[in-house]
C-alpha atoms as a PDB file:
ATOM      1  CA  UNK A   1     -56.929 -70.677 -75.612  1.00  0.00           C
ATOM      2  CA  UNK A   2     -56.330 -70.624 -71.886  1.00  0.00           C
ATOM      3  CA  UNK A   3     -57.340 -67.676 -69.691  1.00  0.00           C
ATOM      4  CA  UNK A   4     -54.205 -66.093 -68.245  1.00  0.00           C
ATOM      5  CA  UNK A   5     -55.176 -64.548 -64.940  1.00  0.00           C
ATOM      6  CA  UNK A   6     -51.776 -62.912 -64.315  1.00  0.00           C
ATOM      7  CA  UNK A   7     -51.867 -61.047 -67.629  1.00  0.00           C
ATOM      8  CA  UNK A   8     -55.463 -60.033 -67.000  1.00  0.00           C
ATOM      9  CA  UNK A   9     -54.451 -58.642 -63.605  1.00  0.00           C
ATOM     10  CA  UNK A  10     -51.530 -56.788 -65.188  1.00  0.00           C
ATOM     11  CA  UNK A  11     -53.859 -55.233 -67.781  1.00  0.00           C
ATOM     12  CA  UNK A  12     -56.265 -54.126 -65.043  1.00  0.00           C
ATOM     13  CA  UNK A  13     -53.366 -52.508 -63.157  1.00  0.00           C
ATOM     14  CA  UNK A  14     -52.296 -50.607 -66.280  1.00  0.00           C
ATOM     15  CA  UNK A  15     -55.850 -49.328 -66.757  1.00  0.00           C
ATOM     16  CA  UNK A  16     -56.034 -48.290 -63.097  1.00  0.00           C
ATOM     17  CA  UNK A  17     -52.710 -46.440 -63.349  1.00  0.00           C
ATOM     18  CA  UNK A  18     -53.853 -44.400 -66.346  1.00  0.00           C
ATOM     19  CA  UNK A  19     -57.215 -43.799 -64.680  1.00  0.00           C
ATOM     20  CA  UNK A  20     -55.325 -42.514 -61.647  1.00  0.00           C
ATOM     21  CA  UNK A  21     -53.547 -40.084 -63.972  1.00  0.00           C
ATOM     22  CA  UNK A  22     -56.983 -38.815 -64.970  1.00  0.00           C
ATOM     23  CA  UNK A  23     -57.850 -38.306 -61.321  1.00  0.00           C
ATOM     24  CA  UNK A  24     -54.588 -36.407 -60.913  1.00  0.00           C
ATOM     25  CA  UNK A  25     -55.534 -34.160 -63.825  1.00  0.00           C
ATOM     26  CA  UNK A  26     -58.888 -33.465 -62.179  1.00  0.00           C
ATOM     27  CA  UNK A  27     -57.130 -32.646 -58.912  1.00  0.00           C
ATOM     28  CA  UNK A  28     -54.490 -30.554 -60.753  1.00  0.00           C
ATOM     29  CA  UNK A  29     -51.688 -32.345 -58.922  1.00  0.00           C
ATOM     30  CA  UNK A  30     -48.689 -32.604 -61.249  1.00  0.00           C
ATOM     31  CA  UNK A  31     -46.752 -35.067 -59.059  1.00  0.00           C
ATOM     32  CA  UNK A  32     -49.690 -37.463 -58.879  1.00  0.00           C
ATOM     33  CA  UNK A  33     -50.074 -37.266 -62.663  1.00  0.00           C
ATOM     34  CA  UNK A  34     -46.376 -37.934 -63.301  1.00  0.00           C
ATOM     35  CA  UNK A  35     -46.182 -40.871 -60.881  1.00  0.00           C
ATOM     36  CA  UNK A  36     -49.353 -42.445 -62.280  1.00  0.00           C
ATOM     37  CA  UNK A  37     -48.089 -42.126 -65.872  1.00  0.00           C
ATOM     38  CA  UNK A  38     -44.687 -43.569 -64.944  1.00  0.00           C
ATOM     39  CA  UNK A  39     -46.283 -46.529 -63.193  1.00  0.00           C
ATOM     40  CA  UNK A  40     -48.657 -47.073 -66.123  1.00  0.00           C
ATOM     41  CA  UNK A  41     -45.879 -47.031 -68.719  1.00  0.00           C
ATOM     42  CA  UNK A  42     -43.640 -49.248 -66.557  1.00  0.00           C
ATOM     43  CA  UNK A  43     -46.390 -51.838 -66.174  1.00  0.00           C
ATOM     44  CA  UNK A  44     -47.193 -51.692 -69.881  1.00  0.00           C
ATOM     45  CA  UNK A  45     -43.522 -52.140 -70.767  1.00  0.00           C
ATOM     46  CA  UNK A  46     -43.311 -55.106 -68.415  1.00  0.00           C
ATOM     47  CA  UNK A  47     -46.336 -56.686 -70.097  1.00  0.00           C
ATOM     48  CA  UNK A  48     -44.871 -56.166 -73.561  1.00  0.00           C
ATOM     49  CA  UNK A  49     -41.561 -57.712 -72.481  1.00  0.00           C
ATOM     50  CA  UNK A  50     -43.431 -60.732 -71.099  1.00  0.00           C
ATOM     51  CA  UNK A  51     -45.239 -61.150 -74.405  1.00  0.00           C
ATOM     52  CA  UNK A  52     -41.974 -60.954 -76.382  1.00  0.00           C
ATOM     53  CA  UNK A  53     -40.330 -63.562 -74.145  1.00  0.00           C
ATOM     54  CA  UNK A  54     -43.359 -65.831 -74.535  1.00  0.00           C
ATOM     55  CA  UNK A  55     -43.338 -65.607 -78.320  1.00  0.00           C
ATOM     56  CA  UNK A  56     -39.710 -66.761 -78.621  1.00  0.00           C
END
């Protein structure tokens, strides 16, 4: 199995987005939390769509 650097980078970005949401919770900044969650879910959805396209 080949290492896929682009998917690894995408996974790291998803983890960073949800970690940023945790920072927003610590700072009690609702806008930061919402933006971080939206970015995290958007990136995760993009990754899932890539996987579905690849499996076809």
